[in-house]
């Protein structure tokens, strides 16, 4: 298990801190606001839309959300989504 924050997105998806940082670093998302007291973040995504990310506990994840990790990173896998 990881000690990194896990975020619930307003789009119904879940993200680890590593996934959020990666999207911000590669320019897929644009940082807008970061509320340091609560850890909530607001990021710009495709076509100027906004995504709210709210920290959540790993034990509060729905059953279809799997938290996977290796030595360096942790990521979320949605077992409902099929890979084409």
C-alpha atoms as a PDB file:
ATOM      1  CA  UNK A   1       0.000   0.000   0.000  1.00  0.00           C
ATOM      2  CA  UNK A   2       1.100   3.552  -0.531  1.00  0.00           C
ATOM      3  CA  UNK A   3       1.267   6.566   1.758  1.00  0.00           C
ATOM      4  CA  UNK A   4       0.591   8.892  -1.193  1.00  0.00           C
ATOM      5  CA  UNK A   5      -2.689  10.762  -1.334  1.00  0.00           C
ATOM      6  CA  UNK A   6      -5.487   9.207  -3.345  1.00  0.00           C
ATOM      7  CA  UNK A   7      -7.942  11.571  -5.003  1.00  0.00           C
ATOM      8  CA  UNK A   8     -11.559  11.139  -6.005  1.00  0.00           C
ATOM      9  CA  UNK A   9     -12.267  13.169  -9.115  1.00  0.00           C
ATOM     10  CA  UNK A  10     -15.506  14.976  -9.848  1.00  0.00           C
ATOM     11  CA  UNK A  11     -15.550  12.886 -13.045  1.00  0.00           C
ATOM     12  CA  UNK A  12     -16.068   9.691 -11.015  1.00  0.00           C
ATOM     13  CA  UNK A  13     -12.492   8.473 -11.456  1.00  0.00           C
ATOM     14  CA  UNK A  14      -9.776   7.990  -8.864  1.00  0.00           C
ATOM     15  CA  UNK A  15      -6.113   9.025  -9.070  1.00  0.00           C
ATOM     16  CA  UNK A  16      -2.965   8.589  -6.998  1.00  0.00           C
ATOM     17  CA  UNK A  17      -0.725  11.548  -6.280  1.00  0.00           C
ATOM     18  CA  UNK A  18       1.752  10.121  -8.806  1.00  0.00           C
ATOM     19  CA  UNK A  19      -0.924  10.072 -11.541  1.00  0.00           C
ATOM     20  CA  UNK A  20      -1.955  13.653 -10.767  1.00  0.00           C
ATOM     21  CA  UNK A  21       1.649  14.871 -10.775  1.00  0.00           C
ATOM     22  CA  UNK A  22       2.342  13.059 -14.052  1.00  0.00           C
ATOM     23  CA  UNK A  23      -0.656  14.682 -15.774  1.00  0.00           C
ATOM     24  CA  UNK A  24       0.352  18.103 -14.459  1.00  0.00           C
ATOM     25  CA  UNK A  25       3.982  17.613 -15.491  1.00  0.00           C
ATOM     26  CA  UNK A  26       3.252  16.390 -19.023  1.00  0.00           C
ATOM     27  CA  UNK A  27       0.758  19.212 -19.639  1.00  0.00           C
ATOM     28  CA  UNK A  28      -2.366  17.051 -19.873  1.00  0.00           C
ATOM     29  CA  UNK A  29      -3.785  19.019 -16.938  1.00  0.00           C
ATOM     30  CA  UNK A  30      -3.244  22.623 -15.846  1.00  0.00           C
ATOM     31  CA  UNK A  31      -3.094  23.488 -12.150  1.00  0.00           C
ATOM     32  CA  UNK A  32      -5.720  26.029 -11.095  1.00  0.00           C
ATOM     33  CA  UNK A  33      -6.137  25.900  -7.306  1.00  0.00           C
ATOM     34  CA  UNK A  34      -4.677  23.837  -4.481  1.00  0.00           C
ATOM     35  CA  UNK A  35      -6.296  24.161  -1.072  1.00  0.00           C
ATOM     36  CA  UNK A  36      -3.470  23.189   1.268  1.00  0.00           C
ATOM     37  CA  UNK A  37      -5.629  22.736   4.394  1.00  0.00           C
ATOM     38  CA  UNK A  38      -7.906  20.118   2.830  1.00  0.00           C
ATOM     39  CA  UNK A  39      -5.659  18.911   0.009  1.00  0.00           C
ATOM     40  CA  UNK A  40      -8.374  19.547  -2.573  1.00  0.00           C
ATOM     41  CA  UNK A  41      -7.161  20.508  -6.032  1.00  0.00           C
ATOM     42  CA  UNK A  42      -8.819  22.073  -9.035  1.00  0.00           C
ATOM     43  CA  UNK A  43      -7.207  21.349 -12.391  1.00  0.00           C
ATOM     44  CA  UNK A  44      -8.002  22.334 -15.946  1.00  0.00           C
ATOM     45  CA  UNK A  45      -8.555  19.438 -18.320  1.00  0.00           C
ATOM     46  CA  UNK A  46      -9.628  19.105 -21.966  1.00  0.00           C
ATOM     47  CA  UNK A  47     -11.352  22.038 -23.659  1.00  0.00           C
ATOM     48  CA  UNK A  48     -11.201  24.331 -20.620  1.00  0.00           C
ATOM     49  CA  UNK A  49     -13.242  22.071 -18.333  1.00  0.00           C
ATOM     50  CA  UNK A  50     -12.370  21.831 -14.651  1.00  0.00           C
ATOM     51  CA  UNK A  51     -11.818  18.733 -12.529  1.00  0.00           C
ATOM     52  CA  UNK A  52     -12.087  18.809  -8.735  1.00  0.00           C
ATOM     53  CA  UNK A  53      -9.837  16.320  -6.923  1.00  0.00           C
ATOM     54  CA  UNK A  54     -10.690  15.511  -3.307  1.00  0.00           C
ATOM     55  CA  UNK A  55      -8.385  13.409  -1.099  1.00  0.00           C
ATOM     56  CA  UNK A  56      -9.905  10.119   0.033  1.00  0.00           C
ATOM     57  CA  UNK A  57      -8.762   7.138   2.077  1.00  0.00           C
ATOM     58  CA  UNK A  58      -7.738   3.857   0.418  1.00  0.00           C
ATOM     59  CA  UNK A  59     -10.242   1.960   2.560  1.00  0.00           C
ATOM     60  CA  UNK A  60     -13.041   4.177   1.181  1.00  0.00           C
ATOM     61  CA  UNK A  61     -12.414   3.168  -2.446  1.00  0.00           C
ATOM     62  CA  UNK A  62     -15.254   1.332  -4.209  1.00  0.00           C
ATOM     63  CA  UNK A  63     -14.717  -2.400  -4.814  1.00  0.00           C
ATOM     64  CA  UNK A  64     -14.043  -1.907  -8.542  1.00  0.00           C
ATOM     65  CA  UNK A  65     -11.058   0.383  -7.849  1.00  0.00           C
ATOM     66  CA  UNK A  66      -7.716  -1.373  -7.438  1.00  0.00           C
ATOM     67  CA  UNK A  67      -4.639   0.337  -6.050  1.00  0.00           C
ATOM     68  CA  UNK A  68      -1.501  -1.101  -7.648  1.00  0.00           C
ATOM     69  CA  UNK A  69       2.111  -0.215  -6.981  1.00  0.00           C
ATOM     70  CA  UNK A  70       5.704  -1.122  -7.657  1.00  0.00           C
ATOM     71  CA  UNK A  71       8.864   0.095  -5.957  1.00  0.00           C
ATOM     72  CA  UNK A  72       8.590   3.622  -7.362  1.00  0.00           C
ATOM     73  CA  UNK A  73       4.952   4.445  -8.122  1.00  0.00           C
ATOM     74  CA  UNK A  74       1.328   3.709  -7.299  1.00  0.00           C
ATOM     75  CA  UNK A  75      -1.601   3.938  -9.661  1.00  0.00           C
ATOM     76  CA  UNK A  76      -5.330   3.282  -9.763  1.00  0.00           C
ATOM     77  CA  UNK A  77      -6.944   0.671 -11.986  1.00  0.00           C
ATOM     78  CA  UNK A  78     -10.705   0.710 -12.621  1.00  0.00           C
ATOM     79  CA  UNK A  79     -11.625  -2.958 -13.076  1.00  0.00           C
ATOM     80  CA  UNK A  80     -14.907  -1.980 -14.768  1.00  0.00           C
ATOM     81  CA  UNK A  81     -13.107  -0.462 -17.751  1.00  0.00           C
ATOM     82  CA  UNK A  82     -12.112  -2.791 -20.542  1.00  0.00           C
ATOM     83  CA  UNK A  83      -8.893  -2.323 -22.458  1.00  0.00           C
ATOM     84  CA  UNK A  84      -9.468  -2.140 -26.241  1.00  0.00           C
END
